[in-house]
Amino acid sequence: MKQVEIRQLQRKRLIWTGVFVVYALSISSCSVPQHAAQSGPPPAFQYLGEWGTAGTAPGQLQNPQSLSSDGTGNIYIADDGKPPQVEKFEPTGHPLLVFDMGGNRNSWDIAVDAGNAIFVVDEAVAQVQIFSPEGEVFRTLAFRYRSALNRPSSIAIEPDGEFYLADCSGGRLARMYPRGRILQSWGKPAGLPAKRWTPCQVRLGTDSNLYVADADNQRIEKLSPEASYISSWAFPFSSLGSNRAGPKPCGLAVSRDFVVATDEAKRLLGIWTLNGQPELTVDFAQHPEWGQNASPTDVVFTPKGELLVLDRTNKHVLRFRINIRNTGSSSPIR
């Protein structure tokens, strides 16, 4: 064959080869299933799961009142059952420790210090019991006849071991040395309403400020470390009434970004920024999927930022994540 004819045949082969490759690629692309559409963003208040069951065996709950978390995320629950006891759980809910509180009842608050000593506040008998990490009684602080603070209801522990106590009935705050001696004490800060002050819960923020749940005045109050008034905002806490020795009226938790308060009787949970900007109001009555008659008894943030909600009615702990980046909205969660 002539060279011209050979070149023409080669060109035809190249052309047909190119057509075949394009066709094969088009068939291949059609045979690959299309990716599913991206799912939407997670809800602002995201349910992650739950753990805990009712019962009297170790690891089960009878009448849980308060919960707290240590630096590694383990959870501690003060349970006014028979007998009253403290139970320690892994973050997943696996039980690690249970011990008798020795008749300590009406446990309005529980906290864990940097060394994992466990503090239980008993409002009814006006004392704070301190237990070792293994559950042995280390010290009992009695307050019934102290003039500066005589009926503690809540505790907030500083990293150095000093701690704050709130006296809901007496309307006072006190800062304590680690061994229980009063360092400073204060009555109602200037700038608050003229009504009787009821600091039922106190929490220490990472900003070193104090956050107080003032039940009868239906407010959250932000105070300086010296208990000077900074700001406050409303939340519809149930009135304490005359039964101030009953179950704790509310829960309070503070993270780097949020303040969370609960009212068990009204089944409400509120979320604000540290400056008091409202973010969400969660009505547990609208969420039967979280448990029949679920109600937020107490709340705590874990070191990983999860919000744990103690539900005394159903004897379990609910896990949530707050997915809020743009502050300023006040949309209710129904």
C-alpha atoms as a PDB file:
ATOM      1  CA  MET A   1       0.000   0.000   0.000  1.00  0.00           C
ATOM      2  CA  LYS A   2       1.044   3.528  -0.582  1.00  0.00           C
ATOM      3  CA  GLN A   3       2.164   5.641   2.331  1.00  0.00           C
ATOM      4  CA  VAL A   4      -0.764   8.024   1.817  1.00  0.00           C
ATOM      5  CA  GLU A   5      -3.273   5.199   2.165  1.00  0.00           C
ATOM      6  CA  ILE A   6      -1.541   3.883   5.277  1.00  0.00           C
ATOM      7  CA  ARG A   7      -1.713   7.302   6.941  1.00  0.00           C
ATOM      8  CA  GLN A   8      -5.434   7.599   6.118  1.00  0.00           C
ATOM      9  CA  LEU A   9      -6.139   4.197   7.720  1.00  0.00           C
ATOM     10  CA  GLN A  10      -4.211   5.175  10.842  1.00  0.00           C
ATOM     11  CA  ARG A  11      -6.220   8.401  11.156  1.00  0.00           C
ATOM     12  CA  LYS A  12      -9.502   6.473  10.838  1.00  0.00           C
ATOM     13  CA  ARG A  13      -8.397   4.047  13.567  1.00  0.00           C
ATOM     14  CA  LEU A  14      -7.517   6.934  15.892  1.00  0.00           C
ATOM     15  CA  ILE A  15     -10.874   8.571  15.262  1.00  0.00           C
ATOM     16  CA  TRP A  16     -12.829   5.360  15.965  1.00  0.00           C
ATOM     17  CA  THR A  17     -10.735   4.683  19.070  1.00  0.00           C
ATOM     18  CA  GLY A  18     -11.546   8.151  20.427  1.00  0.00           C
ATOM     19  CA  VAL A  19     -15.251   7.690  19.752  1.00  0.00           C
ATOM     20  CA  PHE A  20     -15.222   4.356  21.586  1.00  0.00           C
ATOM     21  CA  VAL A  21     -13.413   5.816  24.636  1.00  0.00           C
ATOM     22  CA  VAL A  22     -15.885   8.707  24.892  1.00  0.00           C
ATOM     23  CA  TYR A  23     -18.823   6.285  24.590  1.00  0.00           C
ATOM     24  CA  ALA A  24     -17.366   3.962  27.230  1.00  0.00           C
ATOM     25  CA  LEU A  25     -16.826   6.822  29.619  1.00  0.00           C
ATOM     26  CA  SER A  26     -20.369   8.063  29.155  1.00  0.00           C
ATOM     27  CA  ILE A  27     -21.759   4.575  29.857  1.00  0.00           C
ATOM     28  CA  SER A  28     -19.555   4.260  32.925  1.00  0.00           C
ATOM     29  CA  SER A  29     -20.687   7.623  34.335  1.00  0.00           C
ATOM     30  CA  CYS A  30     -24.334   6.735  33.819  1.00  0.00           C
ATOM     31  CA  SER A  31     -23.918   3.443  35.667  1.00  0.00           C
ATOM     32  CA  VAL A  32     -22.526   5.123  38.841  1.00  0.00           C
ATOM     33  CA  PRO A  33     -25.368   5.872  41.262  1.00  0.00           C
ATOM     34  CA  GLN A  34     -25.868   9.533  42.075  1.00  0.00           C
ATOM     35  CA  HIS A  35     -24.827  10.628  45.572  1.00  0.00           C
ATOM     36  CA  ALA A  36     -27.685  11.203  48.006  1.00  0.00           C
ATOM     37  CA  ALA A  37     -28.458  14.817  48.760  1.00  0.00           C
ATOM     38  CA  GLN A  38     -26.650  16.249  51.750  1.00  0.00           C
ATOM     39  CA  SER A  39     -28.712  16.008  54.951  1.00  0.00           C
ATOM     40  CA  GLY A  40     -29.755  19.253  56.582  1.00  0.00           C
ATOM     41  CA  PRO A  41     -27.942  20.805  59.552  1.00  0.00           C
ATOM     42  CA  PRO A  42     -28.510  19.224  62.977  1.00  0.00           C
ATOM     43  CA  PRO A  43     -31.247  20.745  65.140  1.00  0.00           C
ATOM     44  CA  ALA A  44     -30.332  23.503  67.559  1.00  0.00           C
ATOM     45  CA  PHE A  45     -31.145  21.197  70.481  1.00  0.00           C
ATOM     46  CA  GLN A  46     -29.986  17.765  69.332  1.00  0.00           C
ATOM     47  CA  TYR A  47     -31.014  14.599  71.172  1.00  0.00           C
ATOM     48  CA  LEU A  48     -28.088  12.141  71.376  1.00  0.00           C
ATOM     49  CA  GLY A  49     -29.466   9.329  73.506  1.00  0.00           C
ATOM     50  CA  GLU A  50     -30.148   8.346  77.103  1.00  0.00           C
ATOM     51  CA  TRP A  51     -29.123   5.940  79.829  1.00  0.00           C
ATOM     52  CA  GLY A  52     -30.329   4.857  83.266  1.00  0.00           C
ATOM     53  CA  THR A  53     -33.099   2.647  84.615  1.00  0.00           C
ATOM     54  CA  ALA A  54     -35.335   2.571  87.686  1.00  0.00           C
ATOM     55  CA  GLY A  55     -34.563   0.112  90.451  1.00  0.00           C
ATOM     56  CA  THR A  56     -32.663  -0.525  93.668  1.00  0.00           C
ATOM     57  CA  ALA A  57     -29.674  -2.432  92.280  1.00  0.00           C
ATOM     58  CA  PRO A  58     -26.280  -0.703  91.892  1.00  0.00           C
ATOM     59  CA  GLY A  59     -26.399   1.448  88.779  1.00  0.00           C
ATOM     60  CA  GLN A  60     -30.173   1.941  88.985  1.00  0.00           C
ATOM     61  CA  LEU A  61     -31.989   5.059  90.215  1.00  0.00           C
ATOM     62  CA  GLN A  62     -34.779   5.531  92.764  1.00  0.00           C
ATOM     63  CA  ASN A  63     -35.253   9.260  93.433  1.00  0.00           C
ATOM     64  CA  PRO A  64     -32.402  11.099  91.697  1.00  0.00           C
ATOM     65  CA  GLN A  65     -32.087  14.740  92.753  1.00  0.00           C
ATOM     66  CA  SER A  66     -28.847  16.204  91.403  1.00  0.00           C
ATOM     67  CA  LEU A  67     -26.008  15.386  89.042  1.00  0.00           C
ATOM     68  CA  SER A  68     -22.499  16.613  88.386  1.00  0.00           C
ATOM     69  CA  SER A  69     -19.483  15.773  86.219  1.00  0.00           C
ATOM     70  CA  ASP A  70     -15.772  15.504  86.946  1.00  0.00           C
ATOM     71  CA  GLY A  71     -12.884  16.576  84.737  1.00  0.00           C
ATOM     72  CA  THR A  72     -12.872  13.327  82.744  1.00  0.00           C
ATOM     73  CA  GLY A  73     -16.618  13.269  82.088  1.00  0.00           C
ATOM     74  CA  ASN A  74     -17.696  10.747  84.713  1.00  0.00           C
ATOM     75  CA  ILE A  75     -21.164  11.485  86.099  1.00  0.00           C
ATOM     76  CA  TYR A  76     -22.213  11.615  89.769  1.00  0.00           C
ATOM     77  CA  ILE A  77     -25.850  11.432  90.868  1.00  0.00           C
ATOM     78  CA  ALA A  78     -27.198  12.106  94.359  1.00  0.00           C
ATOM     79  CA  ASP A  79     -30.150   9.732  94.777  1.00  0.00           C
ATOM     80  CA  ASP A  80     -32.552  10.175  97.703  1.00  0.00           C
ATOM     81  CA  GLY A  81     -33.618   6.560  97.633  1.00  0.00           C
ATOM     82  CA  LYS A  82     -33.637   3.919 100.332  1.00  0.00           C
ATOM     83  CA  PRO A  83     -30.874   4.176 101.317  1.00  0.00           C
ATOM     84  CA  PRO A  84     -29.817   7.639 100.092  1.00  0.00           C
ATOM     85  CA  GLN A  85     -26.704   7.164  97.986  1.00  0.00           C
ATOM     86  CA  VAL A  86     -24.300   8.612  95.461  1.00  0.00           C
ATOM     87  CA  GLU A  87     -23.724   6.763  92.208  1.00  0.00           C
ATOM     88  CA  LYS A  88     -20.843   7.315  89.806  1.00  0.00           C
ATOM     89  CA  PHE A  89     -21.150   6.454  86.115  1.00  0.00           C
ATOM     90  CA  GLU A  90     -18.960   6.473  83.042  1.00  0.00           C
ATOM     91  CA  PRO A  91     -20.094   9.013  80.381  1.00  0.00           C
ATOM     92  CA  THR A  92     -21.881   6.123  78.624  1.00  0.00           C
ATOM     93  CA  GLY A  93     -23.886   5.287  81.764  1.00  0.00           C
ATOM     94  CA  HIS A  94     -21.878   2.255  82.895  1.00  0.00           C
ATOM     95  CA  PRO A  95     -21.906   2.224  86.738  1.00  0.00           C
ATOM     96  CA  LEU A  96     -18.526   2.610  88.455  1.00  0.00           C
ATOM     97  CA  LEU A  97     -19.268   3.236  92.137  1.00  0.00           C
ATOM     98  CA  VAL A  98     -22.142   3.447  94.584  1.00  0.00           C
ATOM     99  CA  PHE A  99     -22.003   4.383  98.251  1.00  0.00           C
ATOM    100  CA  ASP A 100     -24.413   5.176 101.074  1.00  0.00           C
ATOM    101  CA  MET A 101     -24.678   8.832 102.139  1.00  0.00           C
ATOM    102  CA  GLY A 102     -25.336   7.780 105.715  1.00  0.00           C
ATOM    103  CA  GLY A 103     -28.843   9.142 106.094  1.00  0.00           C
ATOM    104  CA  ASN A 104     -28.135  12.332 104.167  1.00  0.00           C
ATOM    105  CA  ARG A 105     -31.471  13.324 102.618  1.00  0.00           C
ATOM    106  CA  ASN A 106     -32.926  16.032 100.406  1.00  0.00           C
ATOM    107  CA  SER A 107     -29.698  16.431  98.422  1.00  0.00           C
ATOM    108  CA  TRP A 108     -30.190  19.715  96.629  1.00  0.00           C
ATOM    109  CA  ASP A 109     -26.780  19.723  94.984  1.00  0.00           C
ATOM    110  CA  ILE A 110     -23.668  17.665  94.259  1.00  0.00           C
ATOM    111  CA  ALA A 111     -20.263  18.739  92.960  1.00  0.00           C
ATOM    112  CA  VAL A 112     -16.801  17.242  92.390  1.00  0.00           C
ATOM    113  CA  ASP A 113     -13.552  19.134  92.961  1.00  0.00           C
ATOM    114  CA  ALA A 114     -10.290  18.917  90.998  1.00  0.00           C
ATOM    115  CA  GLY A 115      -9.131  15.985  93.148  1.00  0.00           C
ATOM    116  CA  ASN A 116     -12.430  14.109  92.633  1.00  0.00           C
ATOM    117  CA  ALA A 117     -13.614  14.668  96.203  1.00  0.00           C
ATOM    118  CA  ILE A 118     -17.421  14.566  96.182  1.00  0.00           C
ATOM    119  CA  PHE A 119     -19.477  17.317  97.879  1.00  0.00           C
ATOM    120  CA  VAL A 120     -23.160  16.709  98.669  1.00  0.00           C
ATOM    121  CA  VAL A 121     -25.308  19.628  99.859  1.00  0.00           C
ATOM    122  CA  ASP A 122     -28.212  18.687 102.117  1.00  0.00           C
ATOM    123  CA  GLU A 123     -30.551  21.667 102.438  1.00  0.00           C
ATOM    124  CA  ALA A 124     -32.897  20.035 104.958  1.00  0.00           C
ATOM    125  CA  VAL A 125     -30.296  19.274 107.631  1.00  0.00           C
ATOM    126  CA  ALA A 126     -28.078  22.273 106.749  1.00  0.00           C
ATOM    127  CA  GLN A 127     -24.861  20.466 106.023  1.00  0.00           C
ATOM    128  CA  VAL A 128     -22.318  19.646 103.316  1.00  0.00           C
ATOM    129  CA  GLN A 129     -20.804  16.180 103.344  1.00  0.00           C
ATOM    130  CA  ILE A 130     -17.457  15.637 101.641  1.00  0.00           C
ATOM    131  CA  PHE A 131     -16.532  12.142 100.457  1.00  0.00           C
ATOM    132  CA  SER A 132     -13.271  10.754  99.128  1.00  0.00           C
ATOM    133  CA  PRO A 133     -13.155   9.580  95.475  1.00  0.00           C
ATOM    134  CA  GLU A 134     -13.770   6.069  96.842  1.00  0.00           C
ATOM    135  CA  GLY A 135     -16.917   7.132  98.720  1.00  0.00           C
ATOM    136  CA  GLU A 136     -15.527   7.332 102.272  1.00  0.00           C
ATOM    137  CA  VAL A 137     -16.726  10.176 104.512  1.00  0.00           C
ATOM    138  CA  PHE A 138     -13.930  12.743 104.640  1.00  0.00           C
ATOM    139  CA  ARG A 139     -15.544  15.712 106.377  1.00  0.00           C
ATOM    140  CA  THR A 140     -18.975  17.052 107.335  1.00  0.00           C
ATOM    141  CA  LEU A 141     -19.579  20.793 107.393  1.00  0.00           C
ATOM    142  CA  ALA A 142     -22.497  21.773 109.635  1.00  0.00           C
ATOM    143  CA  PHE A 143     -24.177  25.163 109.108  1.00  0.00           C
ATOM    144  CA  ARG A 144     -27.381  25.171 111.143  1.00  0.00           C
ATOM    145  CA  TYR A 145     -26.189  27.698 113.724  1.00  0.00           C
ATOM    146  CA  ARG A 146     -23.913  29.839 111.552  1.00  0.00           C
ATOM    147  CA  SER A 147     -25.073  33.417 111.275  1.00  0.00           C
ATOM    148  CA  ALA A 148     -23.393  34.193 107.925  1.00  0.00           C
ATOM    149  CA  LEU A 149     -24.990  31.202 106.146  1.00  0.00           C
ATOM    150  CA  ASN A 150     -27.073  28.570 107.901  1.00  0.00           C
ATOM    151  CA  ARG A 151     -28.945  26.533 105.305  1.00  0.00           C
ATOM    152  CA  PRO A 152     -26.868  25.788 102.181  1.00  0.00           C
ATOM    153  CA  SER A 153     -28.720  24.751  99.037  1.00  0.00           C
ATOM    154  CA  SER A 154     -26.094  24.774  96.269  1.00  0.00           C
ATOM    155  CA  ILE A 155     -22.331  24.678  95.701  1.00  0.00           C
ATOM    156  CA  ALA A 156     -19.851  25.862  93.057  1.00  0.00           C
ATOM    157  CA  ILE A 157     -16.193  24.804  93.406  1.00  0.00           C
ATOM    158  CA  GLU A 158     -13.210  26.800  92.149  1.00  0.00           C
ATOM    159  CA  PRO A 159     -10.157  25.051  90.633  1.00  0.00           C
ATOM    160  CA  ASP A 160      -8.020  25.932  93.698  1.00  0.00           C
ATOM    161  CA  GLY A 161     -10.455  24.233  96.081  1.00  0.00           C
ATOM    162  CA  GLU A 162     -12.252  27.266  97.477  1.00  0.00           C
ATOM    163  CA  PHE A 163     -15.988  27.101  96.903  1.00  0.00           C
ATOM    164  CA  TYR A 164     -19.196  29.120  96.972  1.00  0.00           C
ATOM    165  CA  LEU A 165     -22.341  28.126  98.832  1.00  0.00           C
ATOM    166  CA  ALA A 166     -25.797  29.548  98.244  1.00  0.00           C
ATOM    167  CA  ASP A 167     -28.430  29.733 100.975  1.00  0.00           C
ATOM    168  CA  CYS A 168     -31.821  29.783  99.265  1.00  0.00           C
ATOM    169  CA  SER A 169     -33.918  30.227 102.419  1.00  0.00           C
ATOM    170  CA  GLY A 170     -31.662  32.793 104.049  1.00  0.00           C
ATOM    171  CA  GLY A 171     -30.936  34.754 100.873  1.00  0.00           C
ATOM    172  CA  ARG A 172     -27.145  34.678 101.174  1.00  0.00           C
ATOM    173  CA  LEU A 173     -23.973  33.647  99.356  1.00  0.00           C
ATOM    174  CA  ALA A 174     -20.682  32.678 100.997  1.00  0.00           C
ATOM    175  CA  ARG A 175     -17.198  31.983  99.724  1.00  0.00           C
ATOM    176  CA  MET A 176     -15.511  29.179 101.662  1.00  0.00           C
ATOM    177  CA  TYR A 177     -11.976  28.045 102.308  1.00  0.00           C
ATOM    178  CA  PRO A 178     -11.381  24.400 101.246  1.00  0.00           C
ATOM    179  CA  ARG A 179     -11.698  23.178 104.842  1.00  0.00           C
ATOM    180  CA  GLY A 180     -15.062  24.896 105.334  1.00  0.00           C
ATOM    181  CA  ARG A 181     -14.270  28.188 107.044  1.00  0.00           C
ATOM    182  CA  ILE A 182     -16.190  31.173 105.654  1.00  0.00           C
ATOM    183  CA  LEU A 183     -13.948  33.558 103.739  1.00  0.00           C
ATOM    184  CA  GLN A 184     -16.635  36.095 102.733  1.00  0.00           C
ATOM    185  CA  SER A 185     -20.422  36.238 102.816  1.00  0.00           C
ATOM    186  CA  TRP A 186     -22.996  38.481 101.141  1.00  0.00           C
ATOM    187  CA  GLY A 187     -26.691  39.224 101.255  1.00  0.00           C
ATOM    188  CA  LYS A 188     -28.770  40.345  98.292  1.00  0.00           C
ATOM    189  CA  PRO A 189     -26.614  42.352  95.842  1.00  0.00           C
ATOM    190  CA  ALA A 190     -27.553  45.943  95.113  1.00  0.00           C
ATOM    191  CA  GLY A 191     -29.407  46.272  91.819  1.00  0.00           C
ATOM    192  CA  LEU A 192     -31.801  43.356  92.294  1.00  0.00           C
ATOM    193  CA  PRO A 193     -35.572  43.725  92.874  1.00  0.00           C
ATOM    194  CA  ALA A 194     -36.802  44.587  96.347  1.00  0.00           C
ATOM    195  CA  LYS A 195     -38.382  41.155  96.787  1.00  0.00           C
ATOM    196  CA  ARG A 196     -36.871  38.469  98.985  1.00  0.00           C
ATOM    197  CA  TRP A 197     -33.763  36.996  97.355  1.00  0.00           C
ATOM    198  CA  THR A 198     -33.798  33.214  96.833  1.00  0.00           C
ATOM    199  CA  PRO A 199     -30.437  32.053  95.382  1.00  0.00           C
ATOM    200  CA  CYS A 200     -31.389  28.386  95.051  1.00  0.00           C
ATOM    201  CA  GLN A 201     -28.623  27.364  92.646  1.00  0.00           C
ATOM    202  CA  VAL A 202     -25.176  28.852  92.042  1.00  0.00           C
ATOM    203  CA  ARG A 203     -22.681  27.995  89.291  1.00  0.00           C
ATOM    204  CA  LEU A 204     -19.213  29.322  88.499  1.00  0.00           C
ATOM    205  CA  GLY A 205     -18.546  30.235  84.872  1.00  0.00           C
ATOM    206  CA  THR A 206     -15.231  29.970  83.028  1.00  0.00           C
ATOM    207  CA  ASP A 207     -15.327  33.786  83.052  1.00  0.00           C
ATOM    208  CA  SER A 208     -15.038  33.537  86.891  1.00  0.00           C
ATOM    209  CA  ASN A 209     -18.480  35.119  87.291  1.00  0.00           C
ATOM    210  CA  LEU A 210     -21.271  33.585  89.345  1.00  0.00           C
ATOM    211  CA  TYR A 211     -24.622  32.593  87.859  1.00  0.00           C
ATOM    212  CA  VAL A 212     -27.563  32.291  90.254  1.00  0.00           C
ATOM    213  CA  ALA A 213     -31.036  30.806  89.817  1.00  0.00           C
ATOM    214  CA  ASP A 214     -33.302  33.097  91.874  1.00  0.00           C
ATOM    215  CA  ALA A 215     -36.472  31.017  92.093  1.00  0.00           C
ATOM    216  CA  ASP A 216     -39.047  33.319  93.704  1.00  0.00           C
ATOM    217  CA  ASN A 217     -37.962  36.308  91.613  1.00  0.00           C
ATOM    218  CA  GLN A 218     -38.007  34.117  88.469  1.00  0.00           C
ATOM    219  CA  ARG A 219     -34.623  35.334  87.289  1.00  0.00           C
ATOM    220  CA  ILE A 220     -31.112  34.235  86.384  1.00  0.00           C
ATOM    221  CA  GLU A 221     -28.570  36.628  87.869  1.00  0.00           C
ATOM    222  CA  LYS A 222     -24.972  37.155  86.822  1.00  0.00           C
ATOM    223  CA  LEU A 223     -22.669  38.317  89.626  1.00  0.00           C
ATOM    224  CA  SER A 224     -18.973  39.097  89.910  1.00  0.00           C
ATOM    225  CA  PRO A 225     -16.693  36.831  91.986  1.00  0.00           C
ATOM    226  CA  GLU A 226     -17.317  39.275  94.857  1.00  0.00           C
ATOM    227  CA  ALA A 227     -21.100  38.900  94.384  1.00  0.00           C
ATOM    228  CA  SER A 228     -21.629  42.336  92.815  1.00  0.00           C
ATOM    229  CA  TYR A 229     -24.567  42.585  90.424  1.00  0.00           C
ATOM    230  CA  ILE A 230     -23.714  42.495  86.696  1.00  0.00           C
ATOM    231  CA  SER A 231     -26.957  41.625  84.916  1.00  0.00           C
ATOM    232  CA  SER A 232     -30.089  39.447  85.095  1.00  0.00           C
ATOM    233  CA  TRP A 233     -32.806  38.027  82.878  1.00  0.00           C
ATOM    234  CA  ALA A 234     -36.179  36.356  83.321  1.00  0.00           C
ATOM    235  CA  PHE A 235     -37.110  32.671  83.434  1.00  0.00           C
ATOM    236  CA  PRO A 236     -40.485  31.434  84.765  1.00  0.00           C
ATOM    237  CA  PHE A 237     -39.303  29.423  87.777  1.00  0.00           C
ATOM    238  CA  SER A 238     -42.047  27.942  89.926  1.00  0.00           C
ATOM    239  CA  SER A 239     -42.489  29.718  93.250  1.00  0.00           C
ATOM    240  CA  LEU A 240     -40.949  27.937  96.216  1.00  0.00           C
ATOM    241  CA  GLY A 241     -44.052  28.461  98.334  1.00  0.00           C
ATOM    242  CA  SER A 242     -43.908  27.512 101.984  1.00  0.00           C
ATOM    243  CA  ASN A 243     -42.320  24.077 101.492  1.00  0.00           C
ATOM    244  CA  ARG A 244     -38.693  25.144 101.242  1.00  0.00           C
ATOM    245  CA  ALA A 245     -37.486  21.787 102.533  1.00  0.00           C
ATOM    246  CA  GLY A 246     -38.963  19.922  99.570  1.00  0.00           C
ATOM    247  CA  PRO A 247     -37.201  18.719  96.418  1.00  0.00           C
ATOM    248  CA  LYS A 248     -34.853  21.150  94.692  1.00  0.00           C
ATOM    249  CA  PRO A 249     -36.871  23.585  92.582  1.00  0.00           C
ATOM    250  CA  CYS A 250     -34.576  23.997  89.586  1.00  0.00           C
ATOM    251  CA  GLY A 251     -31.373  23.082  87.801  1.00  0.00           C
ATOM    252  CA  LEU A 252     -28.584  25.316  86.508  1.00  0.00           C
ATOM    253  CA  ALA A 253     -25.505  24.698  84.333  1.00  0.00           C
ATOM    254  CA  VAL A 254     -22.904  26.960  82.705  1.00  0.00           C
ATOM    255  CA  SER A 255     -20.496  26.185  79.854  1.00  0.00           C
ATOM    256  CA  ARG A 256     -18.013  28.390  77.995  1.00  0.00           C
ATOM    257  CA  ASP A 257     -20.849  29.644  75.792  1.00  0.00           C
ATOM    258  CA  PHE A 258     -24.220  29.014  77.423  1.00  0.00           C
ATOM    259  CA  VAL A 259     -26.276  29.220  80.592  1.00  0.00           C
ATOM    260  CA  VAL A 260     -28.994  26.572  80.975  1.00  0.00           C
ATOM    261  CA  ALA A 261     -31.761  26.575  83.590  1.00  0.00           C
ATOM    262  CA  THR A 262     -34.622  24.162  84.213  1.00  0.00           C
ATOM    263  CA  ASP A 263     -37.926  24.103  86.031  1.00  0.00           C
ATOM    264  CA  GLU A 264     -39.062  20.563  86.741  1.00  0.00           C
ATOM    265  CA  ALA A 265     -42.655  21.455  87.671  1.00  0.00           C
ATOM    266  CA  LYS A 266     -43.238  23.418  84.444  1.00  0.00           C
ATOM    267  CA  ARG A 267     -41.126  20.973  82.379  1.00  0.00           C
ATOM    268  CA  LEU A 268     -39.162  23.845  80.841  1.00  0.00           C
ATOM    269  CA  LEU A 269     -35.516  24.301  79.913  1.00  0.00           C
ATOM    270  CA  GLY A 270     -34.049  27.674  78.882  1.00  0.00           C
ATOM    271  CA  ILE A 271     -30.777  28.439  77.097  1.00  0.00           C
ATOM    272  CA  TRP A 272     -28.997  31.819  77.005  1.00  0.00           C
ATOM    273  CA  THR A 273     -25.584  33.164  76.106  1.00  0.00           C
ATOM    274  CA  LEU A 274     -23.352  34.211  78.991  1.00  0.00           C
ATOM    275  CA  ASN A 275     -24.603  37.759  78.457  1.00  0.00           C
ATOM    276  CA  GLY A 276     -28.219  36.730  78.914  1.00  0.00           C
ATOM    277  CA  GLN A 277     -29.224  36.741  75.246  1.00  0.00           C
ATOM    278  CA  PRO A 278     -32.101  34.228  74.898  1.00  0.00           C
ATOM    279  CA  GLU A 279     -31.414  31.384  72.484  1.00  0.00           C
ATOM    280  CA  LEU A 280     -33.940  28.574  73.040  1.00  0.00           C
ATOM    281  CA  THR A 281     -36.813  27.557  75.266  1.00  0.00           C
ATOM    282  CA  VAL A 282     -37.465  23.827  75.310  1.00  0.00           C
ATOM    283  CA  ASP A 283     -40.858  22.535  76.458  1.00  0.00           C
ATOM    284  CA  PHE A 284     -40.419  18.890  77.470  1.00  0.00           C
ATOM    285  CA  ALA A 285     -44.199  18.431  77.434  1.00  0.00           C
ATOM    286  CA  GLN A 286     -43.964  18.640  73.643  1.00  0.00           C
ATOM    287  CA  HIS A 287     -41.420  15.805  73.415  1.00  0.00           C
ATOM    288  CA  PRO A 288     -42.927  12.474  74.525  1.00  0.00           C
ATOM    289  CA  GLU A 289     -40.173  10.714  72.546  1.00  0.00           C
ATOM    290  CA  TRP A 290     -37.789  11.651  75.386  1.00  0.00           C
ATOM    291  CA  GLY A 291     -39.882   9.710  77.900  1.00  0.00           C
ATOM    292  CA  GLN A 292     -43.427   9.707  79.205  1.00  0.00           C
ATOM    293  CA  ASN A 293     -43.912  12.904  81.239  1.00  0.00           C
ATOM    294  CA  ALA A 294     -40.189  13.668  80.869  1.00  0.00           C
ATOM    295  CA  SER A 295     -39.130  16.686  82.899  1.00  0.00           C
ATOM    296  CA  PRO A 296     -35.719  18.319  83.405  1.00  0.00           C
ATOM    297  CA  THR A 297     -34.761  17.952  87.077  1.00  0.00           C
ATOM    298  CA  ASP A 298     -31.107  18.971  86.895  1.00  0.00           C
ATOM    299  CA  VAL A 299     -28.517  19.718  84.202  1.00  0.00           C
ATOM    300  CA  VAL A 300     -24.745  19.597  83.759  1.00  0.00           C
ATOM    301  CA  PHE A 301     -22.276  20.167  80.937  1.00  0.00           C
ATOM    302  CA  THR A 302     -19.609  17.505  80.361  1.00  0.00           C
ATOM    303  CA  PRO A 303     -15.997  18.404  79.476  1.00  0.00           C
ATOM    304  CA  LYS A 304     -16.846  17.554  75.839  1.00  0.00           C
ATOM    305  CA  GLY A 305     -19.662  20.107  75.811  1.00  0.00           C
ATOM    306  CA  GLU A 306     -22.631  17.718  75.901  1.00  0.00           C
ATOM    307  CA  LEU A 307     -25.580  18.780  78.034  1.00  0.00           C
ATOM    308  CA  LEU A 308     -26.863  16.045  80.333  1.00  0.00           C
ATOM    309  CA  VAL A 309     -30.407  16.372  81.674  1.00  0.00           C
ATOM    310  CA  LEU A 310     -31.502  14.381  84.715  1.00  0.00           C
ATOM    311  CA  ASP A 311     -35.132  13.263  84.365  1.00  0.00           C
ATOM    312  CA  ARG A 312     -36.325  12.191  87.812  1.00  0.00           C
ATOM    313  CA  THR A 313     -39.730  11.090  86.503  1.00  0.00           C
ATOM    314  CA  ASN A 314     -38.298   8.414  84.218  1.00  0.00           C
ATOM    315  CA  LYS A 315     -35.154   7.714  86.267  1.00  0.00           C
ATOM    316  CA  HIS A 316     -32.765   8.345  83.401  1.00  0.00           C
ATOM    317  CA  VAL A 317     -30.244  10.813  81.991  1.00  0.00           C
ATOM    318  CA  LEU A 318     -30.840  12.407  78.580  1.00  0.00           C
ATOM    319  CA  ARG A 319     -27.923  13.527  76.398  1.00  0.00           C
ATOM    320  CA  PHE A 320     -28.103  16.606  74.145  1.00  0.00           C
ATOM    321  CA  ARG A 321     -25.846  18.812  72.074  1.00  0.00           C
ATOM    322  CA  ILE A 322     -26.502  22.531  71.622  1.00  0.00           C
ATOM    323  CA  ASN A 323     -25.824  23.424  67.977  1.00  0.00           C
ATOM    324  CA  ILE A 324     -26.040  27.197  68.068  1.00  0.00           C
ATOM    325  CA  ARG A 325     -23.454  29.346  66.298  1.00  0.00           C
ATOM    326  CA  ASN A 326     -25.258  32.560  65.462  1.00  0.00           C
ATOM    327  CA  THR A 327     -26.564  34.016  68.691  1.00  0.00           C
ATOM    328  CA  GLY A 328     -29.468  36.347  68.961  1.00  0.00           C
ATOM    329  CA  SER A 329     -32.381  34.117  68.025  1.00  0.00           C
ATOM    330  CA  SER A 330     -35.022  33.291  70.596  1.00  0.00           C
ATOM    331  CA  SER A 331     -36.945  30.612  68.764  1.00  0.00           C
ATOM    332  CA  PRO A 332     -38.854  28.193  70.994  1.00  0.00           C
ATOM    333  CA  ILE A 333     -38.377  24.434  70.550  1.00  0.00           C
ATOM    334  CA  ARG A 334     -41.801  22.792  70.568  1.00  0.00           C
END
